[in-house]
Amino acid sequence: MIHVALHFIVPLLVALAFYRSRWRNAAVIMMATMIVDVDHLLATPIYDPNRCSIGFHPLHTAPAIVIYAALFVLPLIVGGGERS
C-alpha cells in the first residue's frame, strides 16, 4: 500500500515544488500517466515481481506502444498547440 500511496504523493510533491503556480494541473497530468497501468487489475495475481509488464498486459503490448508513440508525435507533426 505504501507503493500505491507514493504514486499519488510524489507527483503532488513534485508539482508543488516545481510548478507552484499550476500545481493542480501538473499533479493531475502526472497522475493521469498512471492510467496505462489500470490493466494490471486484470492480471492474476495483480502484482508479480517476476513478470514483465511489456507484452503481458493489454496496454503494454507492441500495438498499444505504437499508438502511444503516434499520440506523442501527432501534435509535433500537426503543429497544434504552438504559442506565440
PDB file of N, CA and C in Angstrom:
ATOM      1  N   MET A   1       0.824  -1.203   0.000  1.00  0.00           N
ATOM      2  CA  MET A   1       0.000   0.000   0.000  1.00  0.00           C
ATOM      3  C   MET A   1       0.866   1.265   0.000  1.00  0.00           C
ATOM      4  N   ILE A   2       2.050   1.191   0.573  1.00  0.00           N
ATOM      5  CA  ILE A   2       2.941   2.355   0.570  1.00  0.00           C
ATOM      6  C   ILE A   2       3.326   2.699  -0.866  1.00  0.00           C
ATOM      7  N   HIS A   3       3.610   1.678  -1.666  1.00  0.00           N
ATOM      8  CA  HIS A   3       3.968   1.890  -3.061  1.00  0.00           C
ATOM      9  C   HIS A   3       2.845   2.622  -3.798  1.00  0.00           C
ATOM     10  N   VAL A   4       1.624   2.185  -3.614  1.00  0.00           N
ATOM     11  CA  VAL A   4       0.469   2.817  -4.273  1.00  0.00           C
ATOM     12  C   VAL A   4       0.307   4.255  -3.792  1.00  0.00           C
ATOM     13  N   ALA A   5       0.455   4.486  -2.513  1.00  0.00           N
ATOM     14  CA  ALA A   5       0.331   5.840  -1.963  1.00  0.00           C
ATOM     15  C   ALA A   5       1.380   6.771  -2.555  1.00  0.00           C
ATOM     16  N   LEU A   6       2.583   6.255  -2.753  1.00  0.00           N
ATOM     17  CA  LEU A   6       3.656   7.084  -3.316  1.00  0.00           C
ATOM     18  C   LEU A   6       3.360   7.503  -4.753  1.00  0.00           C
ATOM     19  N   HIS A   7       2.568   6.708  -5.468  1.00  0.00           N
ATOM     20  CA  HIS A   7       2.178   7.073  -6.832  1.00  0.00           C
ATOM     21  C   HIS A   7       1.352   8.362  -6.848  1.00  0.00           C
ATOM     22  N   PHE A   8       0.766   8.712  -5.735  1.00  0.00           N
ATOM     23  CA  PHE A   8      -0.022   9.945  -5.656  1.00  0.00           C
ATOM     24  C   PHE A   8       0.696  11.034  -4.868  1.00  0.00           C
ATOM     25  N   ILE A   9       1.449  10.645  -3.864  1.00  0.00           N
ATOM     26  CA  ILE A   9       2.150  11.629  -3.028  1.00  0.00           C
ATOM     27  C   ILE A   9       3.318  12.270  -3.782  1.00  0.00           C
ATOM     28  N   VAL A  10       4.123  11.475  -4.475  1.00  0.00           N
ATOM     29  CA  VAL A  10       5.302  12.014  -5.163  1.00  0.00           C
ATOM     30  C   VAL A  10       4.917  13.007  -6.264  1.00  0.00           C
ATOM     31  N   PRO A  11       3.962  12.682  -7.153  1.00  0.00           N
ATOM     32  CA  PRO A  11       3.573  13.690  -8.150  1.00  0.00           C
ATOM     33  C   PRO A  11       3.047  14.981  -7.511  1.00  0.00           C
ATOM     34  N   LEU A  12       2.336  14.857  -6.409  1.00  0.00           N
ATOM     35  CA  LEU A  12       1.828  16.037  -5.723  1.00  0.00           C
ATOM     36  C   LEU A  12       2.983  16.889  -5.185  1.00  0.00           C
ATOM     37  N   LEU A  13       3.962  16.242  -4.574  1.00  0.00           N
ATOM     38  CA  LEU A  13       5.121  16.972  -4.044  1.00  0.00           C
ATOM     39  C   LEU A  13       5.950  17.611  -5.167  1.00  0.00           C
ATOM     40  N   VAL A  14       6.133  16.893  -6.262  1.00  0.00           N
ATOM     41  CA  VAL A  14       6.877  17.446  -7.398  1.00  0.00           C
ATOM     42  C   VAL A  14       6.135  18.644  -7.969  1.00  0.00           C
ATOM     43  N   ALA A  15       4.818  18.516  -8.111  1.00  0.00           N
ATOM     44  CA  ALA A  15       4.009  19.625  -8.640  1.00  0.00           C
ATOM     45  C   ALA A  15       4.107  20.849  -7.735  1.00  0.00           C
ATOM     46  N   LEU A  16       4.037  20.630  -6.446  1.00  0.00           N
ATOM     47  CA  LEU A  16       4.122  21.754  -5.509  1.00  0.00           C
ATOM     48  C   LEU A  16       5.513  22.387  -5.513  1.00  0.00           C
ATOM     49  N   ALA A  17       6.550  21.571  -5.691  1.00  0.00           N
ATOM     50  CA  ALA A  17       7.916  22.082  -5.647  1.00  0.00           C
ATOM     51  C   ALA A  17       8.335  22.808  -6.925  1.00  0.00           C
ATOM     52  N   PHE A  18       7.897  22.301  -8.073  1.00  0.00           N
ATOM     53  CA  PHE A  18       8.408  22.831  -9.340  1.00  0.00           C
ATOM     54  C   PHE A  18       7.380  23.578 -10.187  1.00  0.00           C
ATOM     55  N   TYR A  19       6.107  23.407  -9.901  1.00  0.00           N
ATOM     56  CA  TYR A  19       5.060  24.044 -10.696  1.00  0.00           C
ATOM     57  C   TYR A  19       4.069  24.755  -9.781  1.00  0.00           C
ATOM     58  N   ARG A  20       4.592  25.539  -8.874  1.00  0.00           N
ATOM     59  CA  ARG A  20       3.789  26.165  -7.823  1.00  0.00           C
ATOM     60  C   ARG A  20       2.548  26.888  -8.367  1.00  0.00           C
ATOM     61  N   SER A  21       2.696  27.636  -9.448  1.00  0.00           N
ATOM     62  CA  SER A  21       1.560  28.416  -9.960  1.00  0.00           C
ATOM     63  C   SER A  21       0.510  27.534 -10.632  1.00  0.00           C
ATOM     64  N   ARG A  22       0.926  26.352 -11.113  1.00  0.00           N
ATOM     65  CA  ARG A  22      -0.009  25.441 -11.794  1.00  0.00           C
ATOM     66  C   ARG A  22       0.057  24.045 -11.177  1.00  0.00           C
ATOM     67  N   TRP A  23       0.195  23.960  -9.868  1.00  0.00           N
ATOM     68  CA  TRP A  23       0.442  22.685  -9.219  1.00  0.00           C
ATOM     69  C   TRP A  23      -0.697  21.693  -9.431  1.00  0.00           C
ATOM     70  N   ARG A  24      -1.940  22.160  -9.479  1.00  0.00           N
ATOM     71  CA  ARG A  24      -3.069  21.227  -9.666  1.00  0.00           C
ATOM     72  C   ARG A  24      -2.992  20.557 -11.033  1.00  0.00           C
ATOM     73  N   ASN A  25      -2.790  21.374 -12.080  1.00  0.00           N
ATOM     74  CA  ASN A  25      -2.685  20.814 -13.430  1.00  0.00           C
ATOM     75  C   ASN A  25      -1.513  19.857 -13.531  1.00  0.00           C
ATOM     76  N   ALA A  26      -0.371  20.255 -13.010  1.00  0.00           N
ATOM     77  CA  ALA A  26       0.819  19.407 -13.078  1.00  0.00           C
ATOM     78  C   ALA A  26       0.599  18.084 -12.350  1.00  0.00           C
ATOM     79  N   ALA A  27       0.003  18.130 -11.176  1.00  0.00           N
ATOM     80  CA  ALA A  27      -0.242  16.910 -10.399  1.00  0.00           C
ATOM     81  C   ALA A  27      -1.218  15.984 -11.130  1.00  0.00           C
ATOM     82  N   VAL A  28      -2.277  16.552 -11.685  1.00  0.00           N
ATOM     83  CA  VAL A  28      -3.271  15.741 -12.402  1.00  0.00           C
ATOM     84  C   VAL A  28      -2.642  15.094 -13.634  1.00  0.00           C
ATOM     85  N   ILE A  29      -1.834  15.847 -14.379  1.00  0.00           N
ATOM     86  CA  ILE A  29      -1.183  15.293 -15.564  1.00  0.00           C
ATOM     87  C   ILE A  29      -0.253  14.154 -15.174  1.00  0.00           C
ATOM     88  N   MET A  30       0.547  14.340 -14.133  1.00  0.00           N
ATOM     89  CA  MET A  30       1.463  13.278 -13.710  1.00  0.00           C
ATOM     90  C   MET A  30       0.708  12.047 -13.221  1.00  0.00           C
ATOM     91  N   MET A  31      -0.387  12.251 -12.512  1.00  0.00           N
ATOM     92  CA  MET A  31      -1.168  11.114 -12.028  1.00  0.00           C
ATOM     93  C   MET A  31      -1.918  10.426 -13.170  1.00  0.00           C
ATOM     94  N   ALA A  32      -2.332  11.201 -14.173  1.00  0.00           N
ATOM     95  CA  ALA A  32      -3.056  10.624 -15.312  1.00  0.00           C
ATOM     96  C   ALA A  32      -2.182   9.666 -16.116  1.00  0.00           C
ATOM     97  N   THR A  33      -0.879   9.848 -16.052  1.00  0.00           N
ATOM     98  CA  THR A  33       0.007   8.939 -16.787  1.00  0.00           C
ATOM     99  C   THR A  33      -0.084   7.512 -16.251  1.00  0.00           C
ATOM    100  N   MET A  34      -0.617   7.351 -15.073  1.00  0.00           N
ATOM    101  CA  MET A  34      -0.730   6.009 -14.482  1.00  0.00           C
ATOM    102  C   MET A  34      -1.936   5.239 -15.010  1.00  0.00           C
ATOM    103  N   ILE A  35      -2.775   5.894 -15.832  1.00  0.00           N
ATOM    104  CA  ILE A  35      -3.938   5.204 -16.399  1.00  0.00           C
ATOM    105  C   ILE A  35      -3.509   3.992 -17.212  1.00  0.00           C
ATOM    106  N   VAL A  36      -2.339   4.070 -17.829  1.00  0.00           N
ATOM    107  CA  VAL A  36      -1.846   2.953 -18.629  1.00  0.00           C
ATOM    108  C   VAL A  36      -1.672   1.694 -17.777  1.00  0.00           C
ATOM    109  N   ASP A  37      -1.534   1.838 -16.485  1.00  0.00           N
ATOM    110  CA  ASP A  37      -1.340   0.679 -15.604  1.00  0.00           C
ATOM    111  C   ASP A  37      -2.637   0.093 -15.061  1.00  0.00           C
ATOM    112  N   VAL A  38      -3.775   0.616 -15.477  1.00  0.00           N
ATOM    113  CA  VAL A  38      -5.045   0.081 -14.986  1.00  0.00           C
ATOM    114  C   VAL A  38      -5.244  -1.370 -15.433  1.00  0.00           C
ATOM    115  N   ASP A  39      -4.600  -1.757 -16.524  1.00  0.00           N
ATOM    116  CA  ASP A  39      -4.742  -3.134 -16.994  1.00  0.00           C
ATOM    117  C   ASP A  39      -4.081  -4.153 -16.070  1.00  0.00           C
ATOM    118  N   HIS A  40      -3.273  -3.695 -15.139  1.00  0.00           N
ATOM    119  CA  HIS A  40      -2.683  -4.597 -14.154  1.00  0.00           C
ATOM    120  C   HIS A  40      -3.774  -5.236 -13.289  1.00  0.00           C
ATOM    121  N   LEU A  41      -4.902  -4.552 -13.159  1.00  0.00           N
ATOM    122  CA  LEU A  41      -6.002  -5.086 -12.349  1.00  0.00           C
ATOM    123  C   LEU A  41      -6.641  -6.312 -12.990  1.00  0.00           C
ATOM    124  N   LEU A  42      -6.391  -6.541 -14.281  1.00  0.00           N
ATOM    125  CA  LEU A  42      -6.942  -7.706 -14.976  1.00  0.00           C
ATOM    126  C   LEU A  42      -6.088  -8.955 -14.774  1.00  0.00           C
ATOM    127  N   ALA A  43      -4.879  -8.785 -14.280  1.00  0.00           N
ATOM    128  CA  ALA A  43      -3.949  -9.907 -14.136  1.00  0.00           C
ATOM    129  C   ALA A  43      -4.163 -10.649 -12.822  1.00  0.00           C
ATOM    130  N   THR A  44      -3.793 -11.919 -12.847  1.00  0.00           N
ATOM    131  CA  THR A  44      -3.819 -12.727 -11.637  1.00  0.00           C
ATOM    132  C   THR A  44      -2.451 -13.354 -11.467  1.00  0.00           C
ATOM    133  N   PRO A  45      -1.733 -13.030 -10.435  1.00  0.00           N
ATOM    134  CA  PRO A  45      -2.009 -12.016  -9.423  1.00  0.00           C
ATOM    135  C   PRO A  45      -1.797 -10.610 -10.003  1.00  0.00           C
ATOM    136  N   ILE A  46      -2.359  -9.629  -9.331  1.00  0.00           N
ATOM    137  CA  ILE A  46      -2.247  -8.248  -9.804  1.00  0.00           C
ATOM    138  C   ILE A  46      -0.790  -7.840  -9.882  1.00  0.00           C
ATOM    139  N   TYR A  47      -0.014  -8.186  -8.880  1.00  0.00           N
ATOM    140  CA  TYR A  47       1.415  -7.854  -8.872  1.00  0.00           C
ATOM    141  C   TYR A  47       2.232  -9.131  -8.800  1.00  0.00           C
ATOM    142  N   ASP A  48       3.138  -9.286  -9.743  1.00  0.00           N
ATOM    143  CA  ASP A  48       4.056 -10.418  -9.752  1.00  0.00           C
ATOM    144  C   ASP A  48       5.453  -9.864 -10.023  1.00  0.00           C
ATOM    145  N   PRO A  49       6.334  -9.890  -9.025  1.00  0.00           N
ATOM    146  CA  PRO A  49       7.655  -9.291  -9.193  1.00  0.00           C
ATOM    147  C   PRO A  49       8.508  -9.961 -10.276  1.00  0.00           C
ATOM    148  N   ASN A  50       8.147 -11.170 -10.682  1.00  0.00           N
ATOM    149  CA  ASN A  50       8.923 -11.888 -11.689  1.00  0.00           C
ATOM    150  C   ASN A  50       8.327 -11.771 -13.093  1.00  0.00           C
ATOM    151  N   ARG A  51       7.284 -10.965 -13.249  1.00  0.00           N
ATOM    152  CA  ARG A  51       6.616 -10.840 -14.542  1.00  0.00           C
ATOM    153  C   ARG A  51       6.944  -9.490 -15.173  1.00  0.00           C
ATOM    154  N   CYS A  52       7.252  -9.502 -16.449  1.00  0.00           N
ATOM    155  CA  CYS A  52       7.487  -8.265 -17.196  1.00  0.00           C
ATOM    156  C   CYS A  52       6.145  -7.792 -17.750  1.00  0.00           C
ATOM    157  N   SER A  53       5.807  -6.542 -17.517  1.00  0.00           N
ATOM    158  CA  SER A  53       4.533  -5.997 -17.982  1.00  0.00           C
ATOM    159  C   SER A  53       4.463  -5.890 -19.494  1.00  0.00           C
ATOM    160  N   ILE A  54       5.588  -5.610 -20.130  1.00  0.00           N
ATOM    161  CA  ILE A  54       5.592  -5.412 -21.578  1.00  0.00           C
ATOM    162  C   ILE A  54       5.286  -6.737 -22.268  1.00  0.00           C
ATOM    163  N   GLY A  55       4.230  -6.730 -23.040  1.00  0.00           N
ATOM    164  CA  GLY A  55       3.803  -7.928 -23.754  1.00  0.00           C
ATOM    165  C   GLY A  55       2.827  -8.785 -22.970  1.00  0.00           C
ATOM    166  N   PHE A  56       2.675  -8.534 -21.687  1.00  0.00           N
ATOM    167  CA  PHE A  56       1.758  -9.334 -20.876  1.00  0.00           C
ATOM    168  C   PHE A  56       0.415  -8.637 -20.713  1.00  0.00           C
ATOM    169  N   HIS A  57       0.434  -7.393 -20.273  1.00  0.00           N
ATOM    170  CA  HIS A  57      -0.798  -6.639 -20.060  1.00  0.00           C
ATOM    171  C   HIS A  57      -1.259  -6.010 -21.379  1.00  0.00           C
ATOM    172  N   PRO A  58      -2.573  -5.918 -21.613  1.00  0.00           N
ATOM    173  CA  PRO A  58      -3.091  -5.394 -22.894  1.00  0.00           C
ATOM    174  C   PRO A  58      -2.582  -3.995 -23.256  1.00  0.00           C
ATOM    175  N   LEU A  59      -2.453  -3.114 -22.286  1.00  0.00           N
ATOM    176  CA  LEU A  59      -1.996  -1.755 -22.578  1.00  0.00           C
ATOM    177  C   LEU A  59      -0.481  -1.646 -22.610  1.00  0.00           C
ATOM    178  N   HIS A  60       0.210  -2.791 -22.522  1.00  0.00           N
ATOM    179  CA  HIS A  60       1.667  -2.829 -22.562  1.00  0.00           C
ATOM    180  C   HIS A  60       2.153  -3.688 -23.739  1.00  0.00           C
ATOM    181  N   THR A  61       1.331  -3.816 -24.767  1.00  0.00           N
ATOM    182  CA  THR A  61       1.696  -4.606 -25.935  1.00  0.00           C
ATOM    183  C   THR A  61       2.277  -3.701 -27.014  1.00  0.00           C
ATOM    184  N   ALA A  62       2.904  -4.295 -28.011  1.00  0.00           N
ATOM    185  CA  ALA A  62       3.515  -3.519 -29.091  1.00  0.00           C
ATOM    186  C   ALA A  62       2.506  -2.613 -29.799  1.00  0.00           C
ATOM    187  N   PRO A  63       1.294  -3.100 -30.152  1.00  0.00           N
ATOM    188  CA  PRO A  63       0.341  -2.200 -30.810  1.00  0.00           C
ATOM    189  C   PRO A  63      -0.037  -0.988 -29.935  1.00  0.00           C
ATOM    190  N   ALA A  64      -0.198  -1.210 -28.655  1.00  0.00           N
ATOM    191  CA  ALA A  64      -0.533  -0.100 -27.753  1.00  0.00           C
ATOM    192  C   ALA A  64       0.622   0.890 -27.675  1.00  0.00           C
ATOM    193  N   ILE A  65       1.842   0.394 -27.631  1.00  0.00           N
ATOM    194  CA  ILE A  65       3.015   1.268 -27.553  1.00  0.00           C
ATOM    195  C   ILE A  65       3.147   2.096 -28.832  1.00  0.00           C
ATOM    196  N   VAL A  66       2.828   1.502 -29.980  1.00  0.00           N
ATOM    197  CA  VAL A  66       2.852   2.244 -31.248  1.00  0.00           C
ATOM    198  C   VAL A  66       1.814   3.369 -31.209  1.00  0.00           C
ATOM    199  N   ILE A  67       0.647   3.089 -30.668  1.00  0.00           N
ATOM    200  CA  ILE A  67      -0.403   4.121 -30.552  1.00  0.00           C
ATOM    201  C   ILE A  67       0.067   5.242 -29.630  1.00  0.00           C
ATOM    202  N   TYR A  68       0.689   4.900 -28.503  1.00  0.00           N
ATOM    203  CA  TYR A  68       1.194   5.929 -27.589  1.00  0.00           C
ATOM    204  C   TYR A  68       2.227   6.807 -28.281  1.00  0.00           C
ATOM    205  N   ALA A  69       3.122   6.192 -29.054  1.00  0.00           N
ATOM    206  CA  ALA A  69       4.147   6.949 -29.770  1.00  0.00           C
ATOM    207  C   ALA A  69       3.505   7.873 -30.803  1.00  0.00           C
ATOM    208  N   ALA A  70       2.501   7.376 -31.511  1.00  0.00           N
ATOM    209  CA  ALA A  70       1.795   8.196 -32.502  1.00  0.00           C
ATOM    210  C   ALA A  70       1.094   9.371 -31.831  1.00  0.00           C
ATOM    211  N   LEU A  71       0.479   9.129 -30.684  1.00  0.00           N
ATOM    212  CA  LEU A  71      -0.192  10.211 -29.961  1.00  0.00           C
ATOM    213  C   LEU A  71       0.802  11.254 -29.472  1.00  0.00           C
ATOM    214  N   PHE A  72       2.021  10.827 -29.190  1.00  0.00           N
ATOM    215  CA  PHE A  72       3.066  11.759 -28.771  1.00  0.00           C
ATOM    216  C   PHE A  72       3.550  12.609 -29.947  1.00  0.00           C
ATOM    217  N   VAL A  73       3.732  11.973 -31.101  1.00  0.00           N
ATOM    218  CA  VAL A  73       4.301  12.648 -32.264  1.00  0.00           C
ATOM    219  C   VAL A  73       3.261  13.488 -33.003  1.00  0.00           C
ATOM    220  N   LEU A  74       2.001  13.092 -32.974  1.00  0.00           N
ATOM    221  CA  LEU A  74       0.951  13.783 -33.728  1.00  0.00           C
ATOM    222  C   LEU A  74       0.931  15.300 -33.520  1.00  0.00           C
ATOM    223  N   PRO A  75       0.964  15.809 -32.293  1.00  0.00           N
ATOM    224  CA  PRO A  75       0.965  17.268 -32.126  1.00  0.00           C
ATOM    225  C   PRO A  75       2.209  17.914 -32.732  1.00  0.00           C
ATOM    226  N   LEU A  76       3.322  17.226 -32.751  1.00  0.00           N
ATOM    227  CA  LEU A  76       4.534  17.769 -33.346  1.00  0.00           C
ATOM    228  C   LEU A  76       4.412  17.890 -34.854  1.00  0.00           C
ATOM    229  N   ILE A  77       3.732  16.927 -35.470  1.00  0.00           N
ATOM    230  CA  ILE A  77       3.541  16.922 -36.921  1.00  0.00           C
ATOM    231  C   ILE A  77       2.477  17.937 -37.329  1.00  0.00           C
ATOM    232  N   VAL A  78       1.363  17.937 -36.627  1.00  0.00           N
ATOM    233  CA  VAL A  78       0.245  18.817 -36.962  1.00  0.00           C
ATOM    234  C   VAL A  78       0.581  20.267 -36.645  1.00  0.00           C
ATOM    235  N   GLY A  79       1.383  20.468 -35.621  1.00  0.00           N
ATOM    236  CA  GLY A  79       1.782  21.837 -35.252  1.00  0.00           C
ATOM    237  C   GLY A  79       0.776  22.521 -34.361  1.00  0.00           C
ATOM    238  N   GLY A  80      -0.201  21.796 -33.877  1.00  0.00           N
ATOM    239  CA  GLY A  80      -1.172  22.392 -32.964  1.00  0.00           C
ATOM    240  C   GLY A  80      -0.539  22.671 -31.621  1.00  0.00           C
ATOM    241  N   GLY A  81      -1.055  23.633 -30.936  1.00  0.00           N
ATOM    242  CA  GLY A  81      -0.572  23.957 -29.616  1.00  0.00           C
ATOM    243  C   GLY A  81       0.604  24.916 -29.593  1.00  0.00           C
ATOM    244  N   GLU A  82       0.995  25.404 -30.765  1.00  0.00           N
ATOM    245  CA  GLU A  82       2.094  26.377 -30.790  1.00  0.00           C
ATOM    246  C   GLU A  82       1.601  27.678 -30.206  1.00  0.00           C
ATOM    247  N   ARG A  83       2.423  28.248 -29.372  1.00  0.00           N
ATOM    248  CA  ARG A  83       2.069  29.509 -28.742  1.00  0.00           C
ATOM    249  C   ARG A  83       3.070  30.565 -29.167  1.00  0.00           C
ATOM    250  N   SER A  84       2.565  31.769 -29.382  1.00  0.00           N
ATOM    251  CA  SER A  84       3.475  32.844 -29.780  1.00  0.00           C
ATOM    252  C   SER A  84       3.778  33.745 -28.623  1.00  0.00           C
TER     253      SER A  84
END
